Amino acid sequence: MLILSRKINEKVIINDDITISIIEIRGDQVRIGIDAPKKVKVFRQEVYDAIKAENKAASKSASVIPHVEFVKKQ
């Protein structure tokens, strides 16, 4: 993990196309701005965790398919 110190209006550039800007520092909170291409998904950790949990639950329920026997008509 890379740990950096930044001040208001300073930025971090990732891979030439993602910019993280320090917008505001107030008490123990830091407001950041993220400029990234639309193809790059950016989530808060709690939202990302909820999405992963939902996807995992959906994949478990989708994998339980009842066995159906087909009888060939003669």
N, C-alpha and C. Protein backbone atom coordinates (compact mmCIF):
# COMPACT_ATOMS: atom_id res chain seq x y z
N MET A 1 0.85 -1.18 0.00
CA MET A 1 0.00 0.00 0.00
C MET A 1 0.89 1.24 0.00
N LEU A 2 0.56 2.16 -0.85
CA LEU A 2 1.25 3.44 -0.91
C LEU A 2 0.51 4.42 -0.01
N ILE A 3 1.20 5.08 0.88
CA ILE A 3 0.59 6.06 1.77
C ILE A 3 1.20 7.42 1.45
N LEU A 4 0.33 8.40 1.17
CA LEU A 4 0.77 9.73 0.79
C LEU A 4 0.15 10.78 1.71
N SER A 5 0.83 11.89 1.84
CA SER A 5 0.26 13.06 2.50
C SER A 5 -0.08 14.07 1.42
N ARG A 6 -1.27 14.64 1.47
CA ARG A 6 -1.71 15.62 0.48
C ARG A 6 -2.40 16.75 1.22
N LYS A 7 -2.38 17.93 0.64
CA LYS A 7 -3.08 19.09 1.17
C LYS A 7 -4.26 19.40 0.25
N ILE A 8 -5.12 20.32 0.69
CA ILE A 8 -6.27 20.71 -0.12
C ILE A 8 -5.78 21.18 -1.50
N ASN A 9 -6.51 20.76 -2.51
CA ASN A 9 -6.26 21.06 -3.93
C ASN A 9 -5.07 20.31 -4.51
N GLU A 10 -4.42 19.45 -3.76
CA GLU A 10 -3.37 18.61 -4.32
C GLU A 10 -4.01 17.34 -4.87
N LYS A 11 -3.30 16.69 -5.79
CA LYS A 11 -3.87 15.55 -6.51
C LYS A 11 -2.93 14.37 -6.51
N VAL A 12 -3.51 13.21 -6.82
CA VAL A 12 -2.77 11.98 -7.05
C VAL A 12 -3.23 11.46 -8.40
N ILE A 13 -2.30 11.10 -9.27
CA ILE A 13 -2.62 10.60 -10.60
C ILE A 13 -2.33 9.09 -10.62
N ILE A 14 -3.29 8.34 -11.14
CA ILE A 14 -3.14 6.88 -11.25
C ILE A 14 -3.28 6.51 -12.73
N ASN A 15 -2.27 5.87 -13.25
CA ASN A 15 -2.31 5.29 -14.60
C ASN A 15 -2.70 6.29 -15.69
N ASP A 16 -2.28 7.52 -15.60
CA ASP A 16 -2.52 8.56 -16.61
C ASP A 16 -3.98 8.97 -16.81
N ASP A 17 -4.97 8.22 -16.29
CA ASP A 17 -6.35 8.56 -16.58
C ASP A 17 -7.27 8.62 -15.36
N ILE A 18 -6.71 8.49 -14.16
CA ILE A 18 -7.49 8.60 -12.94
C ILE A 18 -6.83 9.65 -12.06
N THR A 19 -7.62 10.65 -11.65
CA THR A 19 -7.10 11.71 -10.79
C THR A 19 -7.92 11.74 -9.50
N ILE A 20 -7.22 11.74 -8.38
CA ILE A 20 -7.87 11.87 -7.08
C ILE A 20 -7.44 13.22 -6.52
N SER A 21 -8.43 14.06 -6.22
CA SER A 21 -8.17 15.41 -5.72
C SER A 21 -8.65 15.53 -4.28
N ILE A 22 -7.88 16.23 -3.46
CA ILE A 22 -8.31 16.52 -2.09
C ILE A 22 -9.13 17.80 -2.17
N ILE A 23 -10.40 17.71 -1.85
CA ILE A 23 -11.33 18.82 -1.98
C ILE A 23 -11.43 19.62 -0.68
N GLU A 24 -11.53 18.90 0.44
CA GLU A 24 -11.75 19.58 1.72
C GLU A 24 -11.29 18.68 2.86
N ILE A 25 -10.76 19.29 3.89
CA ILE A 25 -10.41 18.57 5.11
C ILE A 25 -11.13 19.28 6.25
N ARG A 26 -12.01 18.53 6.92
CA ARG A 26 -12.79 19.11 8.01
C ARG A 26 -12.79 18.13 9.18
N GLY A 27 -12.06 18.45 10.23
CA GLY A 27 -11.98 17.56 11.39
C GLY A 27 -11.35 16.24 10.98
N ASP A 28 -12.07 15.15 11.22
CA ASP A 28 -11.54 13.82 10.88
C ASP A 28 -12.06 13.30 9.54
N GLN A 29 -12.63 14.18 8.73
CA GLN A 29 -13.13 13.77 7.42
C GLN A 29 -12.38 14.48 6.30
N VAL A 30 -12.15 13.74 5.23
CA VAL A 30 -11.51 14.28 4.04
C VAL A 30 -12.46 14.07 2.87
N ARG A 31 -12.76 15.12 2.14
CA ARG A 31 -13.58 15.01 0.94
C ARG A 31 -12.63 14.91 -0.24
N ILE A 32 -12.85 13.90 -1.05
CA ILE A 32 -12.01 13.70 -2.23
C ILE A 32 -12.89 13.73 -3.48
N GLY A 33 -12.27 14.08 -4.58
CA GLY A 33 -12.92 14.01 -5.88
C GLY A 33 -12.17 13.01 -6.73
N ILE A 34 -12.89 12.19 -7.45
CA ILE A 34 -12.27 11.17 -8.29
C ILE A 34 -12.71 11.40 -9.73
N ASP A 35 -11.75 11.60 -10.60
CA ASP A 35 -12.02 11.76 -12.02
C ASP A 35 -11.45 10.53 -12.72
N ALA A 36 -12.34 9.71 -13.27
CA ALA A 36 -11.92 8.46 -13.91
C ALA A 36 -12.78 8.22 -15.15
N PRO A 37 -12.28 7.45 -16.11
CA PRO A 37 -13.08 7.12 -17.29
C PRO A 37 -14.37 6.39 -16.87
N LYS A 38 -15.40 6.51 -17.67
CA LYS A 38 -16.69 5.87 -17.36
C LYS A 38 -16.57 4.36 -17.22
N LYS A 39 -15.61 3.75 -17.92
CA LYS A 39 -15.45 2.30 -17.86
C LYS A 39 -14.88 1.83 -16.52
N VAL A 40 -14.32 2.76 -15.73
CA VAL A 40 -13.75 2.42 -14.43
C VAL A 40 -14.83 2.59 -13.37
N LYS A 41 -15.13 1.51 -12.67
CA LYS A 41 -16.14 1.55 -11.61
C LYS A 41 -15.48 2.02 -10.32
N VAL A 42 -16.11 2.99 -9.68
CA VAL A 42 -15.61 3.53 -8.42
C VAL A 42 -16.73 3.43 -7.39
N PHE A 43 -16.46 2.73 -6.28
CA PHE A 43 -17.46 2.53 -5.23
C PHE A 43 -16.86 2.88 -3.87
N ARG A 44 -17.71 3.30 -2.94
CA ARG A 44 -17.31 3.34 -1.54
C ARG A 44 -17.23 1.90 -1.06
N GLN A 45 -16.36 1.62 -0.11
CA GLN A 45 -16.13 0.25 0.35
C GLN A 45 -17.42 -0.45 0.79
N GLU A 46 -18.28 0.25 1.56
CA GLU A 46 -19.50 -0.39 2.05
C GLU A 46 -20.47 -0.73 0.91
N VAL A 47 -20.50 0.09 -0.13
CA VAL A 47 -21.34 -0.19 -1.29
C VAL A 47 -20.78 -1.38 -2.06
N TYR A 48 -19.48 -1.40 -2.25
CA TYR A 48 -18.82 -2.51 -2.94
C TYR A 48 -19.07 -3.83 -2.21
N ASP A 49 -18.93 -3.82 -0.88
CA ASP A 49 -19.18 -5.04 -0.09
C ASP A 49 -20.62 -5.51 -0.23
N ALA A 50 -21.57 -4.58 -0.23
CA ALA A 50 -22.98 -4.94 -0.38
C ALA A 50 -23.25 -5.54 -1.76
N ILE A 51 -22.64 -4.98 -2.79
CA ILE A 51 -22.80 -5.51 -4.15
C ILE A 51 -22.24 -6.92 -4.23
N LYS A 52 -21.05 -7.13 -3.67
CA LYS A 52 -20.45 -8.46 -3.69
C LYS A 52 -21.33 -9.48 -2.95
N ALA A 53 -21.86 -9.09 -1.79
CA ALA A 53 -22.71 -10.00 -1.02
C ALA A 53 -23.98 -10.34 -1.79
N GLU A 54 -24.58 -9.34 -2.44
CA GLU A 54 -25.78 -9.56 -3.24
C GLU A 54 -25.49 -10.50 -4.41
N ASN A 55 -24.37 -10.27 -5.09
CA ASN A 55 -24.01 -11.13 -6.22
C ASN A 55 -23.75 -12.56 -5.76
N LYS A 56 -23.11 -12.72 -4.61
CA LYS A 56 -22.84 -14.05 -4.09
C LYS A 56 -24.14 -14.77 -3.75
N ALA A 57 -25.08 -14.06 -3.11
CA ALA A 57 -26.37 -14.66 -2.76
C ALA A 57 -27.15 -15.03 -4.02
N ALA A 58 -27.10 -14.17 -5.02
CA ALA A 58 -27.82 -14.44 -6.28
C ALA A 58 -27.23 -15.64 -7.00
N SER A 59 -25.91 -15.78 -6.96
CA SER A 59 -25.29 -16.92 -7.65
C SER A 59 -25.61 -18.23 -6.94
N LYS A 60 -25.75 -18.18 -5.62
CA LYS A 60 -26.11 -19.40 -4.89
C LYS A 60 -27.54 -19.82 -5.20
N SER A 61 -28.45 -18.85 -5.26
CA SER A 61 -29.85 -19.21 -5.53
C SER A 61 -30.03 -19.63 -6.99
N ALA A 62 -29.25 -19.08 -7.88
CA ALA A 62 -29.35 -19.44 -9.30
C ALA A 62 -28.77 -20.82 -9.58
N SER A 63 -27.85 -21.26 -8.74
CA SER A 63 -27.23 -22.56 -8.98
C SER A 63 -28.07 -23.72 -8.48
N VAL A 64 -29.13 -23.44 -7.74
CA VAL A 64 -30.01 -24.49 -7.26
C VAL A 64 -31.17 -24.64 -8.23
N ILE A 65 -30.96 -25.45 -9.23
CA ILE A 65 -31.98 -25.68 -10.26
C ILE A 65 -32.58 -27.06 -10.03
N PRO A 66 -33.90 -27.13 -9.90
CA PRO A 66 -34.51 -28.44 -9.65
C PRO A 66 -34.30 -29.39 -10.83
N HIS A 67 -34.15 -30.64 -10.52
CA HIS A 67 -33.96 -31.67 -11.54
C HIS A 67 -35.31 -31.97 -12.19
N VAL A 68 -35.35 -31.89 -13.49
CA VAL A 68 -36.60 -32.15 -14.22
C VAL A 68 -36.30 -33.31 -15.19
N GLU A 69 -37.17 -34.32 -15.12
CA GLU A 69 -37.02 -35.44 -16.04
C GLU A 69 -37.98 -35.25 -17.20
N PHE A 70 -37.48 -35.48 -18.38
CA PHE A 70 -38.32 -35.40 -19.56
C PHE A 70 -38.65 -36.82 -20.00
N VAL A 71 -39.92 -37.04 -20.26
CA VAL A 71 -40.35 -38.37 -20.71
C VAL A 71 -40.68 -38.22 -22.19
N LYS A 72 -40.06 -39.09 -22.96
CA LYS A 72 -40.26 -39.06 -24.41
C LYS A 72 -41.59 -39.73 -24.74
N LYS A 73 -42.44 -39.03 -25.50
CA LYS A 73 -43.73 -39.59 -25.90
C LYS A 73 -43.51 -40.59 -27.02
N GLN A 74 -44.27 -41.67 -26.96
CA GLN A 74 -44.14 -42.69 -28.01
C GLN A 74 -45.34 -42.73 -28.89
